PDB file of all heavy atoms in Angstrom:
ATOM      1  N   MET A   1      86.624  95.300  97.425  1.00  0.00           N
ATOM      2  CA  MET A   1      87.048  96.692  97.259  1.00  0.00           C
ATOM      3  C   MET A   1      88.468  96.889  97.793  1.00  0.00           C
ATOM      4  O   MET A   1      89.273  97.587  97.183  1.00  0.00           O
ATOM      5  CB  MET A   1      86.078  97.637  97.967  1.00  0.00           C
ATOM      6  CG  MET A   1      84.689  97.645  97.388  1.00  0.00           C
ATOM      7  SD  MET A   1      84.657  98.178  95.671  1.00  0.00           S
ATOM      8  CE  MET A   1      84.965  99.904  95.877  1.00  0.00           C
ATOM      9  N   PHE A   2      88.755  96.276  98.919  1.00  0.00           N
ATOM     10  CA  PHE A   2      90.105  96.364  99.470  1.00  0.00           C
ATOM     11  C   PHE A   2      91.110  95.762  98.490  1.00  0.00           C
ATOM     12  O   PHE A   2      92.173  96.335  98.237  1.00  0.00           O
ATOM     13  CB  PHE A   2      90.177  95.636 100.812  1.00  0.00           C
ATOM     14  CG  PHE A   2      91.555  95.613 101.392  1.00  0.00           C
ATOM     15  CD1 PHE A   2      92.077  96.738 102.003  1.00  0.00           C
ATOM     16  CD2 PHE A   2      92.323  94.475 101.306  1.00  0.00           C
ATOM     17  CE1 PHE A   2      93.349  96.729 102.522  1.00  0.00           C
ATOM     18  CE2 PHE A   2      93.602  94.453 101.827  1.00  0.00           C
ATOM     19  CZ  PHE A   2      94.124  95.581 102.438  1.00  0.00           C
ATOM     20  N   GLY A   3      90.767  94.596  97.923  1.00  0.00           N
ATOM     21  CA  GLY A   3      91.661  93.948  96.973  1.00  0.00           C
ATOM     22  C   GLY A   3      91.858  94.762  95.707  1.00  0.00           C
ATOM     23  O   GLY A   3      92.960  94.820  95.164  1.00  0.00           O
ATOM     24  N   LEU A   4      90.808  95.408  95.235  1.00  0.00           N
ATOM     25  CA  LEU A   4      90.911  96.196  94.000  1.00  0.00           C
ATOM     26  C   LEU A   4      91.758  97.457  94.180  1.00  0.00           C
ATOM     27  O   LEU A   4      92.442  97.884  93.253  1.00  0.00           O
ATOM     28  CB  LEU A   4      89.514  96.579  93.506  1.00  0.00           C
ATOM     29  CG  LEU A   4      88.689  95.441  92.917  1.00  0.00           C
ATOM     30  CD1 LEU A   4      87.268  95.916  92.619  1.00  0.00           C
ATOM     31  CD2 LEU A   4      89.344  94.916  91.646  1.00  0.00           C
ATOM     32  N   PHE A   5      91.712  98.047  95.369  1.00  0.00           N
ATOM     33  CA  PHE A   5      92.425  99.308  95.565  1.00  0.00           C
ATOM     34  C   PHE A   5      93.682  99.172  96.420  1.00  0.00           C
ATOM     35  O   PHE A   5      94.318 100.166  96.757  1.00  0.00           O
ATOM     36  CB  PHE A   5      91.476 100.347  96.174  1.00  0.00           C
ATOM     37  CG  PHE A   5      90.372 100.732  95.238  1.00  0.00           C
ATOM     38  CD1 PHE A   5      89.083 100.281  95.448  1.00  0.00           C
ATOM     39  CD2 PHE A   5      90.628 101.524  94.137  1.00  0.00           C
ATOM     40  CE1 PHE A   5      88.061 100.628  94.578  1.00  0.00           C
ATOM     41  CE2 PHE A   5      89.627 101.870  93.256  1.00  0.00           C
ATOM     42  CZ  PHE A   5      88.333 101.414  93.476  1.00  0.00           C
ATOM     43  N   ALA A   6      94.060  97.953  96.747  1.00  0.00           N
ATOM     44  CA  ALA A   6      95.259  97.744  97.561  1.00  0.00           C
ATOM     45  C   ALA A   6      96.518  98.188  96.829  1.00  0.00           C
ATOM     46  O   ALA A   6      97.469  98.678  97.447  1.00  0.00           O
ATOM     47  CB  ALA A   6      95.366  96.283  97.960  1.00  0.00           C
ATOM     48  N   TRP A   7      96.529  98.084  95.508  1.00  0.00           N
ATOM     49  CA  TRP A   7      97.717  98.464  94.745  1.00  0.00           C
ATOM     50  C   TRP A   7      98.021  99.953  94.874  1.00  0.00           C
ATOM     51  O   TRP A   7      99.167 100.373  94.764  1.00  0.00           O
ATOM     52  CB  TRP A   7      97.555  98.081  93.284  1.00  0.00           C
ATOM     53  CG  TRP A   7      96.455  98.806  92.571  1.00  0.00           C
ATOM     54  CD1 TRP A   7      95.149  98.455  92.517  1.00  0.00           C
ATOM     55  CD2 TRP A   7      96.589 100.015  91.842  1.00  0.00           C
ATOM     56  NE1 TRP A   7      94.446  99.376  91.795  1.00  0.00           N
ATOM     57  CE2 TRP A   7      95.306 100.349  91.355  1.00  0.00           C
ATOM     58  CE3 TRP A   7      97.647 100.856  91.535  1.00  0.00           C
ATOM     59  CZ2 TRP A   7      95.071 101.481  90.588  1.00  0.00           C
ATOM     60  CZ3 TRP A   7      97.411 101.984  90.769  1.00  0.00           C
ATOM     61  CH2 TRP A   7      96.128 102.278  90.303  1.00  0.00           C
ATOM     62  N   LYS A   8      97.012 100.767  95.149  1.00  0.00           N
ATOM     63  CA  LYS A   8      97.246 102.198  95.324  1.00  0.00           C
ATOM     64  C   LYS A   8      97.959 102.507  96.635  1.00  0.00           C
ATOM     65  O   LYS A   8      98.603 103.542  96.767  1.00  0.00           O
ATOM     66  CB  LYS A   8      95.928 102.971  95.262  1.00  0.00           C
ATOM     67  CG  LYS A   8      95.329 103.006  93.888  1.00  0.00           C
ATOM     68  CD  LYS A   8      94.190 103.985  93.827  1.00  0.00           C
ATOM     69  CE  LYS A   8      93.720 104.074  92.395  1.00  0.00           C
ATOM     70  NZ  LYS A   8      93.356 105.398  92.006  1.00  0.00           N
ATOM     71  N   MET A   9      97.857 101.603  97.591  1.00  0.00           N
ATOM     72  CA  MET A   9      98.497 101.812  98.885  1.00  0.00           C
ATOM     73  C   MET A   9      99.990 101.485  98.861  1.00  0.00           C
ATOM     74  O   MET A   9     100.725 101.882  99.750  1.00  0.00           O
ATOM     75  CB  MET A   9      97.808 100.964  99.955  1.00  0.00           C
ATOM     76  CG  MET A   9      96.381 101.379 100.247  1.00  0.00           C
ATOM     77  SD  MET A   9      96.236 103.082 100.817  1.00  0.00           S
ATOM     78  CE  MET A   9      97.082 102.989 102.363  1.00  0.00           C
ATOM     79  N   ILE A  10     100.443 100.763  97.845  1.00  0.00           N
ATOM     80  CA  ILE A  10     101.849 100.358  97.795  1.00  0.00           C
ATOM     81  C   ILE A  10     102.766 101.566  97.754  1.00  0.00           C
ATOM     82  O   ILE A  10     103.786 101.604  98.448  1.00  0.00           O
ATOM     83  CB  ILE A  10     102.093  99.415  96.607  1.00  0.00           C
ATOM     84  CG1 ILE A  10     101.364  98.094  96.847  1.00  0.00           C
ATOM     85  CG2 ILE A  10     103.578  99.175  96.393  1.00  0.00           C
ATOM     86  CD1 ILE A  10     101.399  97.148  95.695  1.00  0.00           C
ATOM     87  N   ALA A  11     102.436 102.578  96.974  1.00  0.00           N
ATOM     88  CA  ALA A  11     103.280 103.772  96.897  1.00  0.00           C
ATOM     89  C   ALA A  11     103.345 104.466  98.255  1.00  0.00           C
ATOM     90  O   ALA A  11     104.414 104.933  98.671  1.00  0.00           O
ATOM     91  CB  ALA A  11     102.738 104.728  95.840  1.00  0.00           C
ATOM     92  N   PHE A  12     102.237 104.512  98.944  1.00  0.00           N
ATOM     93  CA  PHE A  12     102.215 105.127 100.273  1.00  0.00           C
ATOM     94  C   PHE A  12     103.046 104.323 101.270  1.00  0.00           C
ATOM     95  O   PHE A  12     103.814 104.887 102.056  1.00  0.00           O
ATOM     96  CB  PHE A  12     100.768 105.256 100.768  1.00  0.00           C
ATOM     97  CG  PHE A  12     100.648 105.770 102.160  1.00  0.00           C
ATOM     98  CD1 PHE A  12     100.947 107.089 102.457  1.00  0.00           C
ATOM     99  CD2 PHE A  12     100.259 104.931 103.177  1.00  0.00           C
ATOM    100  CE1 PHE A  12     100.856 107.564 103.751  1.00  0.00           C
ATOM    101  CE2 PHE A  12     100.158 105.391 104.482  1.00  0.00           C
ATOM    102  CZ  PHE A  12     100.460 106.704 104.762  1.00  0.00           C
ATOM    103  N   ILE A  13     102.912 103.023 101.237  1.00  0.00           N
ATOM    104  CA  ILE A  13     103.656 102.170 102.162  1.00  0.00           C
ATOM    105  C   ILE A  13     105.157 102.244 101.884  1.00  0.00           C
ATOM    106  O   ILE A  13     105.971 102.223 102.806  1.00  0.00           O
ATOM    107  CB  ILE A  13     103.141 100.722 102.093  1.00  0.00           C
ATOM    108  CG1 ILE A  13     101.734 100.658 102.670  1.00  0.00           C
ATOM    109  CG2 ILE A  13     104.062  99.751 102.822  1.00  0.00           C
ATOM    110  CD1 ILE A  13     101.038  99.338 102.483  1.00  0.00           C
ATOM    111  N   ASN A  14     105.540 102.375 100.620  1.00  0.00           N
ATOM    112  CA  ASN A  14     106.960 102.446 100.267  1.00  0.00           C
ATOM    113  C   ASN A  14     107.637 103.714 100.774  1.00  0.00           C
ATOM    114  O   ASN A  14     108.855 103.720 100.960  1.00  0.00           O
ATOM    115  CB  ASN A  14     107.149 102.329  98.763  1.00  0.00           C
ATOM    116  CG  ASN A  14     107.041 100.906  98.289  1.00  0.00           C
ATOM    117  OD1 ASN A  14     107.295  99.975  99.041  1.00  0.00           O
ATOM    118  ND2 ASN A  14     106.660 100.728  97.037  1.00  0.00           N
ATOM    119  N   ILE A  15     106.886 104.795 100.993  1.00  0.00           N
ATOM    120  CA  ILE A  15     107.528 106.017 101.489  1.00  0.00           C
ATOM    121  C   ILE A  15     107.628 106.039 103.012  1.00  0.00           C
ATOM    122  O   ILE A  15     108.318 106.885 103.570  1.00  0.00           O
ATOM    123  CB  ILE A  15     106.798 107.293 101.003  1.00  0.00           C
ATOM    124  CG1 ILE A  15     105.374 107.358 101.538  1.00  0.00           C
ATOM    125  CG2 ILE A  15     106.827 107.382  99.497  1.00  0.00           C
ATOM    126  CD1 ILE A  15     104.682 108.678 101.269  1.00  0.00           C
ATOM    127  N   LEU A  16     106.970 105.091 103.678  1.00  0.00           N
ATOM    128  CA  LEU A  16     107.050 105.026 105.142  1.00  0.00           C
ATOM    129  C   LEU A  16     108.404 104.479 105.574  1.00  0.00           C
ATOM    130  O   LEU A  16     108.974 103.619 104.908  1.00  0.00           O
ATOM    131  CB  LEU A  16     105.942 104.128 105.692  1.00  0.00           C
ATOM    132  CG  LEU A  16     104.519 104.637 105.535  1.00  0.00           C
ATOM    133  CD1 LEU A  16     103.537 103.566 105.982  1.00  0.00           C
ATOM    134  CD2 LEU A  16     104.315 105.903 106.317  1.00  0.00           C
ATOM    135  N   PRO A  17     108.928 104.965 106.696  1.00  0.00           N
ATOM    136  CA  PRO A  17     110.193 104.412 107.196  1.00  0.00           C
ATOM    137  C   PRO A  17     110.023 102.952 107.621  1.00  0.00           C
ATOM    138  O   PRO A  17     108.959 102.542 108.095  1.00  0.00           O
ATOM    139  CB  PRO A  17     110.523 105.272 108.420  1.00  0.00           C
ATOM    140  CG  PRO A  17     109.537 106.368 108.450  1.00  0.00           C
ATOM    141  CD  PRO A  17     108.433 106.058 107.503  1.00  0.00           C
ATOM    142  N   LEU A  18     111.074 102.183 107.446  1.00  0.00           N
ATOM    143  CA  LEU A  18     111.033 100.764 107.772  1.00  0.00           C
ATOM    144  C   LEU A  18     110.703 100.535 109.248  1.00  0.00           C
ATOM    145  O   LEU A  18     109.945  99.633 109.586  1.00  0.00           O
ATOM    146  CB  LEU A  18     112.361 100.093 107.424  1.00  0.00           C
ATOM    147  CG  LEU A  18     112.445  98.601 107.689  1.00  0.00           C
ATOM    148  CD1 LEU A  18     111.404  97.852 106.868  1.00  0.00           C
ATOM    149  CD2 LEU A  18     113.833  98.091 107.387  1.00  0.00           C
ATOM    150  N   SER A  19     111.231 101.372 110.126  1.00  0.00           N
ATOM    151  CA  SER A  19     110.967 101.199 111.558  1.00  0.00           C
ATOM    152  C   SER A  19     109.480 101.373 111.866  1.00  0.00           C
ATOM    153  O   SER A  19     108.941 100.691 112.734  1.00  0.00           O
ATOM    154  CB  SER A  19     111.799 102.182 112.372  1.00  0.00           C
ATOM    155  OG  SER A  19     111.522 103.511 111.978  1.00  0.00           O
ATOM    156  N   PHE A  20     108.805 102.261 111.163  1.00  0.00           N
ATOM    157  CA  PHE A  20     107.364 102.459 111.371  1.00  0.00           C
ATOM    158  C   PHE A  20     106.571 101.241 110.906  1.00  0.00           C
ATOM    159  O   PHE A  20     105.622 100.809 111.565  1.00  0.00           O
ATOM    160  CB  PHE A  20     106.892 103.717 110.638  1.00  0.00           C
ATOM    161  CG  PHE A  20     105.455 104.034 110.866  1.00  0.00           C
ATOM    162  CD1 PHE A  20     105.012 104.499 112.092  1.00  0.00           C
ATOM    163  CD2 PHE A  20     104.523 103.852 109.861  1.00  0.00           C
ATOM    164  CE1 PHE A  20     103.680 104.802 112.315  1.00  0.00           C
ATOM    165  CE2 PHE A  20     103.183 104.148 110.067  1.00  0.00           C
ATOM    166  CZ  PHE A  20     102.763 104.619 111.295  1.00  0.00           C
ATOM    167  N   ILE A  21     106.977 100.653 109.793  1.00  0.00           N
ATOM    168  CA  ILE A  21     106.308  99.466 109.280  1.00  0.00           C
ATOM    169  C   ILE A  21     106.499  98.299 110.252  1.00  0.00           C
ATOM    170  O   ILE A  21     105.564  97.544 110.539  1.00  0.00           O
ATOM    171  CB  ILE A  21     106.824  99.107 107.875  1.00  0.00           C
ATOM    172  CG1 ILE A  21     106.428 100.214 106.892  1.00  0.00           C
ATOM    173  CG2 ILE A  21     106.282  97.766 107.404  1.00  0.00           C
ATOM    174  CD1 ILE A  21     107.042 100.083 105.531  1.00  0.00           C
ATOM    175  N   VAL A  22     107.710  98.175 110.793  1.00  0.00           N
ATOM    176  CA  VAL A  22     107.976  97.125 111.775  1.00  0.00           C
ATOM    177  C   VAL A  22     107.129  97.350 113.026  1.00  0.00           C
ATOM    178  O   VAL A  22     106.581  96.415 113.602  1.00  0.00           O
ATOM    179  CB  VAL A  22     109.480  97.072 112.116  1.00  0.00           C
ATOM    180  CG1 VAL A  22     109.749  96.183 113.307  1.00  0.00           C
ATOM    181  CG2 VAL A  22     110.274  96.620 110.903  1.00  0.00           C
ATOM    182  N   LEU A  23     106.993  98.604 113.451  1.00  0.00           N
ATOM    183  CA  LEU A  23     106.175  98.936 114.612  1.00  0.00           C
ATOM    184  C   LEU A  23     104.712  98.556 114.385  1.00  0.00           C
ATOM    185  O   LEU A  23     104.073  97.944 115.243  1.00  0.00           O
ATOM    186  CB  LEU A  23     106.296 100.423 114.930  1.00  0.00           C
ATOM    187  CG  LEU A  23     105.523 100.933 116.130  1.00  0.00           C
ATOM    188  CD1 LEU A  23     106.222 100.482 117.405  1.00  0.00           C
ATOM    189  CD2 LEU A  23     105.450 102.436 116.088  1.00  0.00           C
ATOM    190  N   LEU A  24     104.176  98.886 113.222  1.00  0.00           N
ATOM    191  CA  LEU A  24     102.793  98.536 112.901  1.00  0.00           C
ATOM    192  C   LEU A  24     102.599  97.019 112.851  1.00  0.00           C
ATOM    193  O   LEU A  24     101.586  96.495 113.324  1.00  0.00           O
ATOM    194  CB  LEU A  24     102.378  99.141 111.564  1.00  0.00           C
ATOM    195  CG  LEU A  24     102.100 100.632 111.553  1.00  0.00           C
ATOM    196  CD1 LEU A  24     101.736 101.089 110.154  1.00  0.00           C
ATOM    197  CD2 LEU A  24     101.006 100.990 112.524  1.00  0.00           C
ATOM    198  N   THR A  25     103.574  96.323 112.300  1.00  0.00           N
ATOM    199  CA  THR A  25     103.499  94.868 112.250  1.00  0.00           C
ATOM    200  C   THR A  25     103.491  94.284 113.655  1.00  0.00           C
ATOM    201  O   THR A  25     102.721  93.368 113.962  1.00  0.00           O
ATOM    202  CB  THR A  25     104.679  94.300 111.447  1.00  0.00           C
ATOM    203  OG1 THR A  25     104.695  94.903 110.156  1.00  0.00           O
ATOM    204  CG2 THR A  25     104.572  92.801 111.302  1.00  0.00           C
ATOM    205  N   GLY A  26     104.349  94.827 114.523  1.00  0.00           N
ATOM    206  CA  GLY A  26     104.389  94.358 115.907  1.00  0.00           C
ATOM    207  C   GLY A  26     103.081  94.588 116.624  1.00  0.00           C
ATOM    208  O   GLY A  26     102.589  93.707 117.344  1.00  0.00           O
ATOM    209  N   PHE A  27     102.485  95.760 116.430  1.00  0.00           N
ATOM    210  CA  PHE A  27     101.198  96.045 117.068  1.00  0.00           C
ATOM    211  C   PHE A  27     100.099  95.130 116.537  1.00  0.00           C
ATOM    212  O   PHE A  27      99.220  94.705 117.280  1.00  0.00           O
ATOM    213  CB  PHE A  27     100.794  97.505 116.865  1.00  0.00           C
ATOM    214  CG  PHE A  27     101.478  98.443 117.802  1.00  0.00           C
ATOM    215  CD1 PHE A  27     101.876  99.689 117.358  1.00  0.00           C
ATOM    216  CD2 PHE A  27     101.726  98.111 119.115  1.00  0.00           C
ATOM    217  CE1 PHE A  27     102.507 100.572 118.224  1.00  0.00           C
ATOM    218  CE2 PHE A  27     102.356  98.977 119.980  1.00  0.00           C
ATOM    219  CZ  PHE A  27     102.743 100.213 119.537  1.00  0.00           C
ATOM    220  N   SER A  28     100.152  94.816 115.258  1.00  0.00           N
ATOM    221  CA  SER A  28      99.110  93.956 114.698  1.00  0.00           C
ATOM    222  C   SER A  28      99.223  92.525 115.226  1.00  0.00           C
ATOM    223  O   SER A  28      98.223  91.818 115.310  1.00  0.00           O
ATOM    224  CB  SER A  28      99.171  93.962 113.176  1.00  0.00           C
ATOM    225  OG  SER A  28     100.348  93.333 112.722  1.00  0.00           O
ATOM    226  N   LEU A  29     100.426  92.095 115.588  1.00  0.00           N
ATOM    227  CA  LEU A  29     100.614  90.735 116.097  1.00  0.00           C
ATOM    228  C   LEU A  29     100.549  90.646 117.611  1.00  0.00           C
ATOM    229  O   LEU A  29     100.599  89.553 118.171  1.00  0.00           O
ATOM    230  CB  LEU A  29     101.960  90.185 115.613  1.00  0.00           C
ATOM    231  CG  LEU A  29     102.075  89.984 114.112  1.00  0.00           C
ATOM    232  CD1 LEU A  29     103.494  89.579 113.747  1.00  0.00           C
ATOM    233  CD2 LEU A  29     101.087  88.944 113.635  1.00  0.00           C
ATOM    234  N   LEU A  30     100.418  91.776 118.282  1.00  0.00           N
ATOM    235  CA  LEU A  30     100.433  91.794 119.738  1.00  0.00           C
ATOM    236  C   LEU A  30      99.271  91.003 120.344  1.00  0.00           C
ATOM    237  O   LEU A  30      99.465  90.253 121.304  1.00  0.00           O
ATOM    238  CB  LEU A  30     100.406  93.244 120.234  1.00  0.00           C
ATOM    239  CG  LEU A  30     100.766  93.477 121.685  1.00  0.00           C
ATOM    240  CD1 LEU A  30     102.158  92.950 121.975  1.00  0.00           C
ATOM    241  CD2 LEU A  30     100.697  94.959 122.001  1.00  0.00           C
ATOM    242  N   GLY A  31      98.093  91.129 119.801  1.00  0.00           N
ATOM    243  CA  GLY A  31      96.934  90.395 120.317  1.00  0.00           C
ATOM    244  C   GLY A  31      97.114  88.895 120.204  1.00  0.00           C
ATOM    245  O   GLY A  31      96.792  88.145 121.133  1.00  0.00           O
ATOM    246  N   VAL A  32      97.635  88.440 119.076  1.00  0.00           N
ATOM    247  CA  VAL A  32      97.878  87.014 118.875  1.00  0.00           C
ATOM    248  C   VAL A  32      98.930  86.530 119.863  1.00  0.00           C
ATOM    249  O   VAL A  32      98.795  85.449 120.460  1.00  0.00           O
ATOM    250  CB  VAL A  32      98.339  86.742 117.424  1.00  0.00           C
ATOM    251  CG1 VAL A  32      98.742  85.298 117.237  1.00  0.00           C
ATOM    252  CG2 VAL A  32      97.260  87.140 116.448  1.00  0.00           C
ATOM    253  N   PHE A  33      99.984  87.324 120.064  1.00  0.00           N
ATOM    254  CA  PHE A  33     101.042  86.945 121.001  1.00  0.00           C
ATOM    255  C   PHE A  33     100.504  86.848 122.428  1.00  0.00           C
ATOM    256  O   PHE A  33     100.787  85.876 123.138  1.00  0.00           O
ATOM    257  CB  PHE A  33     102.190  87.960 120.937  1.00  0.00           C
ATOM    258  CG  PHE A  33     103.270  87.693 121.939  1.00  0.00           C
ATOM    259  CD1 PHE A  33     104.131  86.629 121.779  1.00  0.00           C
ATOM    260  CD2 PHE A  33     103.412  88.507 123.048  1.00  0.00           C
ATOM    261  CE1 PHE A  33     105.124  86.374 122.703  1.00  0.00           C
ATOM    262  CE2 PHE A  33     104.405  88.263 123.974  1.00  0.00           C
ATOM    263  CZ  PHE A  33     105.264  87.190 123.802  1.00  0.00           C
ATOM    264  N   ILE A  34      99.726  87.828 122.848  1.00  0.00           N
ATOM    265  CA  ILE A  34      99.179  87.822 124.212  1.00  0.00           C
ATOM    266  C   ILE A  34      98.265  86.618 124.424  1.00  0.00           C
ATOM    267  O   ILE A  34      98.345  85.934 125.447  1.00  0.00           O
ATOM    268  CB  ILE A  34      98.447  89.150 124.504  1.00  0.00           C
ATOM    269  CG1 ILE A  34      99.462  90.283 124.620  1.00  0.00           C
ATOM    270  CG2 ILE A  34      97.606  89.055 125.765  1.00  0.00           C
ATOM    271  CD1 ILE A  34      98.845  91.653 124.704  1.00  0.00           C
ATOM    272  N   GLN A  35      97.419  86.334 123.451  1.00  0.00           N
ATOM    273  CA  GLN A  35      96.526  85.180 123.567  1.00  0.00           C
ATOM    274  C   GLN A  35      97.321  83.881 123.622  1.00  0.00           C
ATOM    275  O   GLN A  35      96.997  82.979 124.412  1.00  0.00           O
ATOM    276  CB  GLN A  35      95.554  85.153 122.400  1.00  0.00           C
ATOM    277  CG  GLN A  35      94.537  84.038 122.481  1.00  0.00           C
ATOM    278  CD  GLN A  35      93.574  84.055 121.316  1.00  0.00           C
ATOM    279  OE1 GLN A  35      93.710  84.844 120.386  1.00  0.00           O
ATOM    280  NE2 GLN A  35      92.596  83.181 121.346  1.00  0.00           N
ATOM    281  N   SER A  36      98.368  83.761 122.834  1.00  0.00           N
ATOM    282  CA  SER A  36      99.185  82.555 122.830  1.00  0.00           C
ATOM    283  C   SER A  36      99.905  82.369 124.158  1.00  0.00           C
ATOM    284  O   SER A  36      99.978  81.254 124.685  1.00  0.00           O
ATOM    285  CB  SER A  36     100.216  82.609 121.702  1.00  0.00           C
ATOM    286  OG  SER A  36      99.582  82.649 120.466  1.00  0.00           O
ATOM    287  N   VAL A  37     100.447  83.454 124.711  1.00  0.00           N
ATOM    288  CA  VAL A  37     101.145  83.362 125.993  1.00  0.00           C
ATOM    289  C   VAL A  37     100.171  82.986 127.104  1.00  0.00           C
ATOM    290  O   VAL A  37     100.487  82.144 127.953  1.00  0.00           O
ATOM    291  CB  VAL A  37     101.879  84.687 126.307  1.00  0.00           C
ATOM    292  CG1 VAL A  37     102.368  84.723 127.732  1.00  0.00           C
ATOM    293  CG2 VAL A  37     103.042  84.877 125.350  1.00  0.00           C
ATOM    294  N   GLN A  38      98.991  83.582 127.113  1.00  0.00           N
ATOM    295  CA  GLN A  38      97.999  83.244 128.131  1.00  0.00           C
ATOM    296  C   GLN A  38      97.602  81.773 128.043  1.00  0.00           C
ATOM    297  O   GLN A  38      97.498  81.085 129.063  1.00  0.00           O
ATOM    298  CB  GLN A  38      96.762  84.122 127.993  1.00  0.00           C
ATOM    299  CG  GLN A  38      96.975  85.536 128.450  1.00  0.00           C
ATOM    300  CD  GLN A  38      95.762  86.417 128.179  1.00  0.00           C
ATOM    301  OE1 GLN A  38      94.901  86.083 127.373  1.00  0.00           O
ATOM    302  NE2 GLN A  38      95.715  87.559 128.840  1.00  0.00           N
ATOM    303  N   LEU A  39      97.395  81.292 126.838  1.00  0.00           N
ATOM    304  CA  LEU A  39      97.008  79.894 126.653  1.00  0.00           C
ATOM    305  C   LEU A  39      98.135  78.953 127.067  1.00  0.00           C
ATOM    306  O   LEU A  39      97.908  77.944 127.727  1.00  0.00           O
ATOM    307  CB  LEU A  39      96.619  79.642 125.195  1.00  0.00           C
ATOM    308  CG  LEU A  39      96.167  78.233 124.846  1.00  0.00           C
ATOM    309  CD1 LEU A  39      94.854  77.917 125.568  1.00  0.00           C
ATOM    310  CD2 LEU A  39      95.974  78.113 123.355  1.00  0.00           C
ATOM    311  N   THR A  40      99.351  79.306 126.714  1.00  0.00           N
ATOM    312  CA  THR A  40     100.494  78.453 127.028  1.00  0.00           C
ATOM    313  C   THR A  40     100.748  78.364 128.520  1.00  0.00           C
ATOM    314  O   THR A  40     100.944  77.284 129.074  1.00  0.00           O
ATOM    315  CB  THR A  40     101.757  78.977 126.323  1.00  0.00           C
ATOM    316  OG1 THR A  40     101.524  78.987 124.924  1.00  0.00           O
ATOM    317  CG2 THR A  40     102.953  78.111 126.623  1.00  0.00           C
TER     318      THR A  40
END
């Protein structure tokens, strides 16, 4: 269902400011970064 309706989200994502998209990307990778730093 996510794959079938993902194309509808493209228009919404395109109207978002680039800084907001970068912020969301950073938050989504924060858990992976913290786990990697702890392991290292």
